[in-house]
Amino acid sequence: MEYNRSGSSSSTTEESVTNYKEKKPCQICGSNAFDDFIMTCFKCRVTREHIYCAKVLFKVVPDMWLCEECRTSRDVIFINHDEASASNQQSDSESAK
């Protein structure tokens, strides 16, 4: 094991380089830097994009994000939370009668 000037072992540096190379890159820019800013598609779990590379820019990585391919797929169902809560309130008032 060799030591670099800072006194840390080079194997730690080699592990960091290996981990960096193993991370899957952003499919827009091709970089795997800033991994904390990469979103992974909630549906396919394959597509990865930086929040600043995506067509729609995000300030933070969302909990659930769909890539363009999955978003345009016929298998995706969108739920409007405002309409869903309104229909739940309406059904609750009807059942109270």
C-alpha atoms as a PDB file:
ATOM      1  CA  MET A   1       0.000   0.000   0.000  1.00  0.00           C
ATOM      2  CA  GLU A   2       1.409   3.385  -0.976  1.00  0.00           C
ATOM      3  CA  TYR A   3       0.780   6.711   0.677  1.00  0.00           C
ATOM      4  CA  ASN A   4       0.346   9.978  -1.138  1.00  0.00           C
ATOM      5  CA  ARG A   5       1.507  13.399   0.082  1.00  0.00           C
ATOM      6  CA  SER A   6      -1.568  13.989   2.233  1.00  0.00           C
ATOM      7  CA  GLY A   7      -0.785  10.818   4.172  1.00  0.00           C
ATOM      8  CA  SER A   8      -3.822   8.882   3.018  1.00  0.00           C
ATOM      9  CA  SER A   9      -3.392   5.551   1.320  1.00  0.00           C
ATOM     10  CA  SER A  10      -3.597   5.323  -2.451  1.00  0.00           C
ATOM     11  CA  SER A  11      -5.968   2.346  -2.194  1.00  0.00           C
ATOM     12  CA  THR A  12      -8.620   4.725  -0.847  1.00  0.00           C
ATOM     13  CA  THR A  13      -8.046   6.937  -3.861  1.00  0.00           C
ATOM     14  CA  GLU A  14      -8.252   3.907  -6.163  1.00  0.00           C
ATOM     15  CA  GLU A  15     -11.538   2.866  -4.524  1.00  0.00           C
ATOM     16  CA  SER A  16     -12.929   6.372  -5.063  1.00  0.00           C
ATOM     17  CA  VAL A  17     -11.956   6.275  -8.739  1.00  0.00           C
ATOM     18  CA  THR A  18     -13.496   2.799  -9.111  1.00  0.00           C
ATOM     19  CA  ASN A  19     -16.746   3.906  -7.427  1.00  0.00           C
ATOM     20  CA  TYR A  20     -16.823   7.009  -9.639  1.00  0.00           C
ATOM     21  CA  LYS A  21     -16.463   4.882 -12.780  1.00  0.00           C
ATOM     22  CA  GLU A  22     -19.158   2.416 -11.642  1.00  0.00           C
ATOM     23  CA  LYS A  23     -21.814   5.131 -11.257  1.00  0.00           C
ATOM     24  CA  LYS A  24     -24.124   5.306 -14.239  1.00  0.00           C
ATOM     25  CA  PRO A  25     -23.847   8.607 -16.129  1.00  0.00           C
ATOM     26  CA  CYS A  26     -26.457  11.203 -16.978  1.00  0.00           C
ATOM     27  CA  GLN A  27     -27.974  10.226 -20.308  1.00  0.00           C
ATOM     28  CA  ILE A  28     -28.050  13.843 -21.470  1.00  0.00           C
ATOM     29  CA  CYS A  29     -24.485  15.042 -20.808  1.00  0.00           C
ATOM     30  CA  GLY A  30     -22.742  11.684 -20.290  1.00  0.00           C
ATOM     31  CA  SER A  31     -21.147  12.715 -16.998  1.00  0.00           C
ATOM     32  CA  ASN A  32     -21.440  10.813 -13.748  1.00  0.00           C
ATOM     33  CA  ALA A  33     -20.193  13.783 -11.713  1.00  0.00           C
ATOM     34  CA  PHE A  34     -22.509  15.356  -9.153  1.00  0.00           C
ATOM     35  CA  ASP A  35     -24.351  12.070  -8.571  1.00  0.00           C
ATOM     36  CA  ASP A  36     -26.446  13.744  -5.855  1.00  0.00           C
ATOM     37  CA  PHE A  37     -28.091  15.792  -8.615  1.00  0.00           C
ATOM     38  CA  ILE A  38     -28.992  12.826 -10.856  1.00  0.00           C
ATOM     39  CA  MET A  39     -32.620  11.686 -11.057  1.00  0.00           C
ATOM     40  CA  THR A  40     -33.439   8.065 -11.879  1.00  0.00           C
ATOM     41  CA  CYS A  41     -36.747   7.298 -13.590  1.00  0.00           C
ATOM     42  CA  PHE A  42     -39.269   5.961 -11.081  1.00  0.00           C
ATOM     43  CA  LYS A  43     -40.820   3.585 -13.636  1.00  0.00           C
ATOM     44  CA  CYS A  44     -38.036   2.093 -15.780  1.00  0.00           C
ATOM     45  CA  ARG A  45     -35.196   2.614 -13.248  1.00  0.00           C
ATOM     46  CA  VAL A  46     -32.818   2.966 -16.218  1.00  0.00           C
ATOM     47  CA  THR A  47     -32.902   6.575 -17.404  1.00  0.00           C
ATOM     48  CA  ARG A  48     -30.709   8.936 -15.391  1.00  0.00           C
ATOM     49  CA  GLU A  49     -30.515  12.714 -15.855  1.00  0.00           C
ATOM     50  CA  HIS A  50     -29.014  15.573 -13.876  1.00  0.00           C
ATOM     51  CA  ILE A  51     -31.662  17.973 -12.579  1.00  0.00           C
ATOM     52  CA  TYR A  52     -29.945  20.723 -14.586  1.00  0.00           C
ATOM     53  CA  CYS A  53     -29.774  18.670 -17.837  1.00  0.00           C
ATOM     54  CA  ALA A  54     -33.447  17.637 -17.982  1.00  0.00           C
ATOM     55  CA  LYS A  55     -35.914  19.397 -20.307  1.00  0.00           C
ATOM     56  CA  VAL A  56     -37.768  20.595 -17.201  1.00  0.00           C
ATOM     57  CA  LEU A  57     -35.293  22.040 -14.711  1.00  0.00           C
ATOM     58  CA  PHE A  58     -35.637  21.101 -11.050  1.00  0.00           C
ATOM     59  CA  LYS A  59     -34.157  22.822  -7.995  1.00  0.00           C
ATOM     60  CA  VAL A  60     -33.927  19.523  -6.093  1.00  0.00           C
ATOM     61  CA  VAL A  61     -34.106  15.852  -7.055  1.00  0.00           C
ATOM     62  CA  PRO A  62     -37.811  14.902  -6.910  1.00  0.00           C
ATOM     63  CA  ASP A  63     -38.957  11.816  -5.000  1.00  0.00           C
ATOM     64  CA  MET A  64     -40.679  10.493  -8.129  1.00  0.00           C
ATOM     65  CA  TRP A  65     -39.622  11.431 -11.645  1.00  0.00           C
ATOM     66  CA  LEU A  66     -40.542   9.885 -15.003  1.00  0.00           C
ATOM     67  CA  CYS A  67     -38.268  10.023 -18.018  1.00  0.00           C
ATOM     68  CA  GLU A  68     -39.608  11.255 -21.355  1.00  0.00           C
ATOM     69  CA  GLU A  69     -40.122   7.719 -22.691  1.00  0.00           C
ATOM     70  CA  CYS A  70     -42.048   6.520 -19.633  1.00  0.00           C
ATOM     71  CA  ARG A  71     -44.024   9.780 -19.384  1.00  0.00           C
ATOM     72  CA  THR A  72     -45.277   9.387 -22.969  1.00  0.00           C
ATOM     73  CA  SER A  73     -46.000   5.675 -22.524  1.00  0.00           C
ATOM     74  CA  ARG A  74     -49.624   4.536 -22.620  1.00  0.00           C
ATOM     75  CA  ASP A  75     -49.066   2.564 -19.418  1.00  0.00           C
ATOM     76  CA  VAL A  76     -48.705   5.705 -17.285  1.00  0.00           C
ATOM     77  CA  ILE A  77     -51.719   7.022 -15.396  1.00  0.00           C
ATOM     78  CA  PHE A  78     -51.658  10.608 -14.143  1.00  0.00           C
ATOM     79  CA  ILE A  79     -53.694  11.528 -11.104  1.00  0.00           C
ATOM     80  CA  ASN A  80     -54.697  15.121 -10.540  1.00  0.00           C
ATOM     81  CA  HIS A  81     -54.595  15.391  -6.759  1.00  0.00           C
ATOM     82  CA  ASP A  82     -57.068  18.324  -6.747  1.00  0.00           C
ATOM     83  CA  GLU A  83     -59.685  16.322  -8.660  1.00  0.00           C
ATOM     84  CA  ALA A  84     -59.049  13.208  -6.569  1.00  0.00           C
ATOM     85  CA  SER A  85     -59.545  15.073  -3.292  1.00  0.00           C
ATOM     86  CA  ALA A  86     -62.691  16.786  -4.644  1.00  0.00           C
ATOM     87  CA  SER A  87     -64.224  13.451  -5.677  1.00  0.00           C
ATOM     88  CA  ASN A  88     -63.341  11.959  -2.280  1.00  0.00           C
ATOM     89  CA  GLN A  89     -65.042  14.865  -0.502  1.00  0.00           C
ATOM     90  CA  GLN A  90     -68.112  14.487  -2.712  1.00  0.00           C
ATOM     91  CA  SER A  91     -68.375  10.732  -2.067  1.00  0.00           C
ATOM     92  CA  ASP A  92     -67.920  11.328   1.676  1.00  0.00           C
ATOM     93  CA  SER A  93     -70.786  13.846   1.747  1.00  0.00           C
ATOM     94  CA  GLU A  94     -73.040  11.505  -0.253  1.00  0.00           C
ATOM     95  CA  SER A  95     -72.360   8.588   2.089  1.00  0.00           C
ATOM     96  CA  ALA A  96     -73.195  10.764   5.122  1.00  0.00           C
ATOM     97  CA  LYS A  97     -76.759  11.272   3.830  1.00  0.00           C
END
